[in-house]
N, C-alpha and C. Protein backbone atom coordinates (compact mmCIF):
# COMPACT_ATOMS: atom_id res chain seq x y z
N MET A 1 43.35 42.97 88.76
CA MET A 1 43.28 43.57 90.07
C MET A 1 44.15 44.82 90.08
N ILE A 2 43.62 45.88 90.66
CA ILE A 2 44.33 47.15 90.74
C ILE A 2 45.00 47.26 92.10
N GLN A 3 46.28 47.56 92.09
CA GLN A 3 47.00 47.75 93.34
C GLN A 3 47.42 49.20 93.45
N GLU A 4 47.31 49.71 94.64
CA GLU A 4 47.66 51.10 94.88
C GLU A 4 48.83 51.14 95.86
N THR A 5 49.88 51.86 95.50
CA THR A 5 51.05 51.97 96.35
C THR A 5 51.01 53.30 97.08
N ILE A 6 51.17 53.26 98.41
CA ILE A 6 51.17 54.48 99.21
C ILE A 6 52.62 54.78 99.59
N THR A 7 53.08 55.97 99.26
CA THR A 7 54.43 56.38 99.60
C THR A 7 54.35 57.44 100.68
N ASP A 8 54.94 57.14 101.83
CA ASP A 8 54.93 58.08 102.95
C ASP A 8 56.08 59.08 102.78
N THR A 9 55.85 60.30 103.25
CA THR A 9 56.86 61.35 103.15
C THR A 9 57.08 61.98 104.52
N CYS A 10 58.24 62.60 104.67
CA CYS A 10 58.58 63.32 105.90
C CYS A 10 57.72 64.58 105.98
N HIS A 11 57.21 64.87 107.19
CA HIS A 11 56.39 66.06 107.36
C HIS A 11 57.20 67.35 107.30
N VAL A 12 58.50 67.26 107.58
CA VAL A 12 59.34 68.45 107.64
C VAL A 12 59.88 68.82 106.26
N CYS A 13 60.57 67.86 105.61
CA CYS A 13 61.25 68.18 104.35
C CYS A 13 60.58 67.56 103.13
N LYS A 14 59.52 66.80 103.31
CA LYS A 14 58.75 66.16 102.23
C LYS A 14 59.56 65.12 101.47
N SER A 15 60.60 64.58 102.08
CA SER A 15 61.43 63.55 101.46
C SER A 15 60.76 62.19 101.61
N THR A 16 61.03 61.27 100.68
CA THR A 16 60.52 59.91 100.78
C THR A 16 61.58 58.96 101.35
N ASN A 17 62.72 59.50 101.74
CA ASN A 17 63.83 58.71 102.26
C ASN A 17 63.68 58.54 103.78
N ILE A 18 62.64 57.78 104.19
CA ILE A 18 62.38 57.57 105.61
C ILE A 18 62.38 56.08 105.91
N VAL A 19 62.75 55.73 107.15
CA VAL A 19 62.75 54.34 107.59
C VAL A 19 62.05 54.24 108.94
N ARG A 20 61.43 53.10 109.19
CA ARG A 20 60.76 52.88 110.47
C ARG A 20 61.81 52.72 111.55
N ASN A 21 61.58 53.37 112.70
CA ASN A 21 62.57 53.37 113.76
C ASN A 21 61.90 53.16 115.11
N GLY A 22 61.32 52.00 115.32
CA GLY A 22 60.75 51.68 116.62
C GLY A 22 59.42 52.37 116.89
N THR A 23 59.11 52.50 118.19
CA THR A 23 57.86 53.13 118.60
C THR A 23 58.14 54.17 119.67
N ASN A 24 57.20 55.11 119.81
CA ASN A 24 57.32 56.08 120.90
C ASN A 24 56.67 55.50 122.14
N ARG A 25 56.58 56.27 123.22
CA ARG A 25 56.07 55.73 124.48
C ARG A 25 54.58 55.42 124.44
N TYR A 26 53.87 55.91 123.42
CA TYR A 26 52.46 55.62 123.28
C TYR A 26 52.19 54.47 122.32
N GLY A 27 53.26 53.83 121.83
CA GLY A 27 53.10 52.68 120.96
C GLY A 27 52.93 53.00 119.49
N LYS A 28 53.03 54.25 119.10
CA LYS A 28 52.90 54.63 117.69
C LYS A 28 54.23 54.40 116.98
N ALA A 29 54.18 53.93 115.73
CA ALA A 29 55.39 53.70 114.96
C ALA A 29 56.09 55.02 114.69
N GLN A 30 57.37 55.05 114.96
CA GLN A 30 58.17 56.26 114.77
C GLN A 30 59.08 56.06 113.57
N TYR A 31 59.27 57.11 112.78
CA TYR A 31 60.08 57.04 111.58
C TYR A 31 61.22 58.04 111.65
N HIS A 32 62.31 57.70 110.98
CA HIS A 32 63.49 58.56 110.93
C HIS A 32 63.71 58.99 109.49
N CYS A 33 63.81 60.30 109.27
CA CYS A 33 64.08 60.83 107.94
C CYS A 33 65.60 60.88 107.75
N LYS A 34 66.07 60.21 106.72
CA LYS A 34 67.51 60.16 106.46
C LYS A 34 68.04 61.48 105.90
N ASP A 35 67.15 62.31 105.33
CA ASP A 35 67.59 63.57 104.74
C ASP A 35 67.71 64.69 105.76
N CYS A 36 66.65 64.93 106.56
CA CYS A 36 66.71 66.04 107.51
C CYS A 36 67.01 65.58 108.94
N GLY A 37 66.96 64.27 109.22
CA GLY A 37 67.37 63.74 110.51
C GLY A 37 66.33 63.78 111.61
N VAL A 38 65.08 64.09 111.32
CA VAL A 38 64.07 64.16 112.38
C VAL A 38 63.45 62.79 112.63
N TYR A 39 62.97 62.60 113.86
CA TYR A 39 62.24 61.40 114.25
C TYR A 39 60.80 61.83 114.50
N ARG A 40 59.88 61.28 113.76
CA ARG A 40 58.47 61.69 113.89
C ARG A 40 57.54 60.51 113.71
N VAL A 41 56.30 60.68 114.15
CA VAL A 41 55.23 59.74 113.89
C VAL A 41 54.58 60.19 112.58
N LEU A 42 54.30 59.24 111.68
CA LEU A 42 53.75 59.61 110.38
C LEU A 42 52.35 60.20 110.48
N LYS A 43 51.52 59.56 111.29
CA LYS A 43 50.15 60.04 111.44
C LYS A 43 49.93 60.42 112.90
N PRO A 44 50.31 61.66 113.28
CA PRO A 44 50.16 62.05 114.68
C PRO A 44 48.69 62.17 115.07
N LYS A 45 48.45 62.07 116.38
CA LYS A 45 47.10 62.20 116.91
C LYS A 45 46.58 63.59 116.58
N LEU A 46 45.32 63.65 116.19
CA LEU A 46 44.72 64.94 115.86
C LEU A 46 44.62 65.82 117.10
N THR A 47 44.60 67.12 116.89
CA THR A 47 44.50 68.04 118.01
C THR A 47 43.14 67.91 118.68
N SER A 48 43.08 68.28 119.92
CA SER A 48 41.85 68.16 120.69
C SER A 48 40.89 69.28 120.32
N SER A 49 39.62 68.96 120.35
CA SER A 49 38.60 69.95 120.03
C SER A 49 38.40 70.90 121.22
N GLU A 50 37.72 71.98 120.97
CA GLU A 50 37.45 72.97 122.01
C GLU A 50 36.61 72.36 123.13
N THR A 51 35.65 71.52 122.77
CA THR A 51 34.80 70.91 123.80
C THR A 51 35.59 69.93 124.66
N GLU A 52 36.51 69.18 124.05
CA GLU A 52 37.34 68.27 124.83
C GLU A 52 38.25 69.06 125.77
N GLN A 53 38.76 70.18 125.29
CA GLN A 53 39.62 71.02 126.12
C GLN A 53 38.83 71.57 127.31
N GLN A 54 37.60 72.00 127.07
CA GLN A 54 36.78 72.52 128.16
C GLN A 54 36.46 71.42 129.18
N THR A 55 36.23 70.20 128.70
CA THR A 55 35.96 69.08 129.60
C THR A 55 37.16 68.79 130.49
N VAL A 56 38.36 68.81 129.90
CA VAL A 56 39.58 68.57 130.65
C VAL A 56 39.78 69.68 131.69
N LEU A 57 39.55 70.93 131.30
CA LEU A 57 39.71 72.05 132.23
C LEU A 57 38.72 71.94 133.39
N ARG A 58 37.48 71.51 133.10
CA ARG A 58 36.51 71.33 134.17
C ARG A 58 36.95 70.24 135.14
N ALA A 59 37.55 69.17 134.61
CA ALA A 59 38.06 68.10 135.48
C ALA A 59 39.19 68.64 136.36
N CYS A 60 40.02 69.51 135.80
CA CYS A 60 41.11 70.10 136.59
C CYS A 60 40.56 71.04 137.65
N LEU A 61 39.51 71.77 137.33
CA LEU A 61 38.91 72.67 138.31
C LEU A 61 38.24 71.90 139.45
N GLU A 62 37.91 70.64 139.21
CA GLU A 62 37.34 69.78 140.25
C GLU A 62 38.42 69.14 141.11
N ARG A 63 39.65 69.64 140.98
CA ARG A 63 40.79 69.24 141.80
C ARG A 63 41.29 67.83 141.48
N SER A 64 41.13 67.39 140.22
CA SER A 64 41.73 66.13 139.80
C SER A 64 43.22 66.37 139.57
N SER A 65 44.02 65.35 139.79
CA SER A 65 45.46 65.50 139.58
C SER A 65 45.77 65.51 138.09
N LEU A 66 46.92 66.11 137.73
CA LEU A 66 47.32 66.14 136.32
C LEU A 66 47.54 64.73 135.79
N ARG A 67 48.13 63.87 136.59
CA ARG A 67 48.36 62.50 136.15
C ARG A 67 47.04 61.75 135.97
N GLY A 68 46.09 62.02 136.85
CA GLY A 68 44.77 61.40 136.71
C GLY A 68 44.07 61.87 135.45
N VAL A 69 44.14 63.16 135.18
CA VAL A 69 43.53 63.71 133.97
C VAL A 69 44.21 63.13 132.74
N GLU A 70 45.54 62.97 132.81
CA GLU A 70 46.28 62.38 131.69
C GLU A 70 45.80 60.96 131.41
N ARG A 71 45.62 60.17 132.44
CA ARG A 71 45.17 58.79 132.25
C ARG A 71 43.74 58.71 131.74
N ILE A 72 42.86 59.55 132.30
CA ILE A 72 41.45 59.48 131.93
C ILE A 72 41.21 59.93 130.49
N PHE A 73 41.80 61.06 130.10
CA PHE A 73 41.53 61.65 128.79
C PHE A 73 42.57 61.29 127.74
N ASP A 74 43.63 60.56 128.12
CA ASP A 74 44.69 60.15 127.20
C ASP A 74 45.32 61.37 126.52
N ILE A 75 45.65 62.38 127.34
CA ILE A 75 46.29 63.61 126.87
C ILE A 75 47.54 63.82 127.72
N ALA A 76 48.61 64.26 127.10
CA ALA A 76 49.87 64.46 127.80
C ALA A 76 49.74 65.53 128.89
N ARG A 77 50.47 65.32 130.00
CA ARG A 77 50.44 66.28 131.11
C ARG A 77 50.87 67.67 130.67
N GLN A 78 51.87 67.73 129.78
CA GLN A 78 52.37 69.02 129.32
C GLN A 78 51.28 69.79 128.59
N THR A 79 50.46 69.08 127.82
CA THR A 79 49.37 69.73 127.10
C THR A 79 48.34 70.27 128.09
N VAL A 80 47.99 69.47 129.08
CA VAL A 80 47.02 69.91 130.09
C VAL A 80 47.56 71.11 130.85
N ALA A 81 48.85 71.08 131.18
CA ALA A 81 49.47 72.20 131.89
C ALA A 81 49.44 73.47 131.04
N GLN A 82 49.67 73.34 129.73
CA GLN A 82 49.60 74.51 128.84
C GLN A 82 48.18 75.07 128.80
N TRP A 83 47.18 74.19 128.74
CA TRP A 83 45.79 74.65 128.72
C TRP A 83 45.44 75.37 130.01
N ILE A 84 45.88 74.83 131.15
CA ILE A 84 45.60 75.47 132.44
C ILE A 84 46.27 76.83 132.50
N LYS A 85 47.52 76.91 132.05
CA LYS A 85 48.25 78.18 132.07
C LYS A 85 47.54 79.22 131.21
N ALA A 86 47.11 78.84 130.02
CA ALA A 86 46.39 79.76 129.13
C ALA A 86 45.06 80.19 129.76
N TYR A 87 44.37 79.25 130.40
CA TYR A 87 43.10 79.56 131.05
C TYR A 87 43.29 80.57 132.18
N VAL A 88 44.31 80.36 132.99
CA VAL A 88 44.59 81.26 134.11
C VAL A 88 44.97 82.65 133.60
N GLU A 89 45.79 82.71 132.54
CA GLU A 89 46.20 84.01 132.00
C GLU A 89 45.02 84.77 131.43
N THR A 90 44.14 84.10 130.68
CA THR A 90 42.98 84.80 130.11
C THR A 90 42.01 85.21 131.19
N THR A 91 41.84 84.38 132.23
CA THR A 91 40.94 84.73 133.32
C THR A 91 41.47 85.95 134.08
N ALA A 92 42.78 85.96 134.34
CA ALA A 92 43.38 87.10 135.04
C ALA A 92 43.27 88.37 134.21
N ARG A 93 43.51 88.26 132.91
CA ARG A 93 43.41 89.43 132.03
C ARG A 93 41.98 89.95 131.99
N ASN A 94 40.99 89.05 131.93
CA ASN A 94 39.59 89.47 131.91
C ASN A 94 39.19 90.15 133.22
N GLN A 95 39.72 89.65 134.33
CA GLN A 95 39.42 90.28 135.62
C GLN A 95 40.03 91.68 135.71
N ARG A 96 41.26 91.84 135.20
CA ARG A 96 41.89 93.17 135.21
C ARG A 96 41.09 94.15 134.35
N GLU A 97 40.64 93.69 133.18
CA GLU A 97 39.85 94.57 132.30
C GLU A 97 38.52 94.93 132.94
N ALA A 98 37.91 93.99 133.64
CA ALA A 98 36.65 94.25 134.29
C ALA A 98 36.82 95.28 135.42
N ARG A 99 37.92 95.17 136.18
CA ARG A 99 38.18 96.14 137.23
C ARG A 99 38.43 97.52 136.65
N ALA A 100 39.11 97.58 135.51
CA ALA A 100 39.41 98.88 134.87
C ALA A 100 38.12 99.54 134.41
N CYS A 101 37.12 98.74 134.01
CA CYS A 101 35.87 99.30 133.56
C CYS A 101 34.89 99.55 134.71
N GLY A 102 35.25 99.12 135.91
CA GLY A 102 34.40 99.35 137.07
C GLY A 102 33.41 98.22 137.30
N ILE A 103 33.60 97.09 136.64
CA ILE A 103 32.72 95.94 136.81
C ILE A 103 33.35 94.99 137.81
N ARG A 104 32.58 94.51 138.74
CA ARG A 104 33.12 93.58 139.75
C ARG A 104 32.90 92.17 139.38
């Protein structure tokens, strides 16, 4: 029988000197690197796709609360707030450019 050993490493310093250190508020196992001192999740949640981001923004435009959007889509409020801020800034910039070109 062939056995395969998986060795986890720190994402910051690539050290193998890490220990399990409880869980974060989402229930993911958190690890502590003894070399660089950071606390991280080994396999963080993947980033959201563009379509998921657009869906969340549409829900926000429908006047859903940030906490409601957080619960429904399982995305942190801070992330949703950053997306809204970026959306507002790009929309405002596009409107200013359109006015400068004479387009209403």
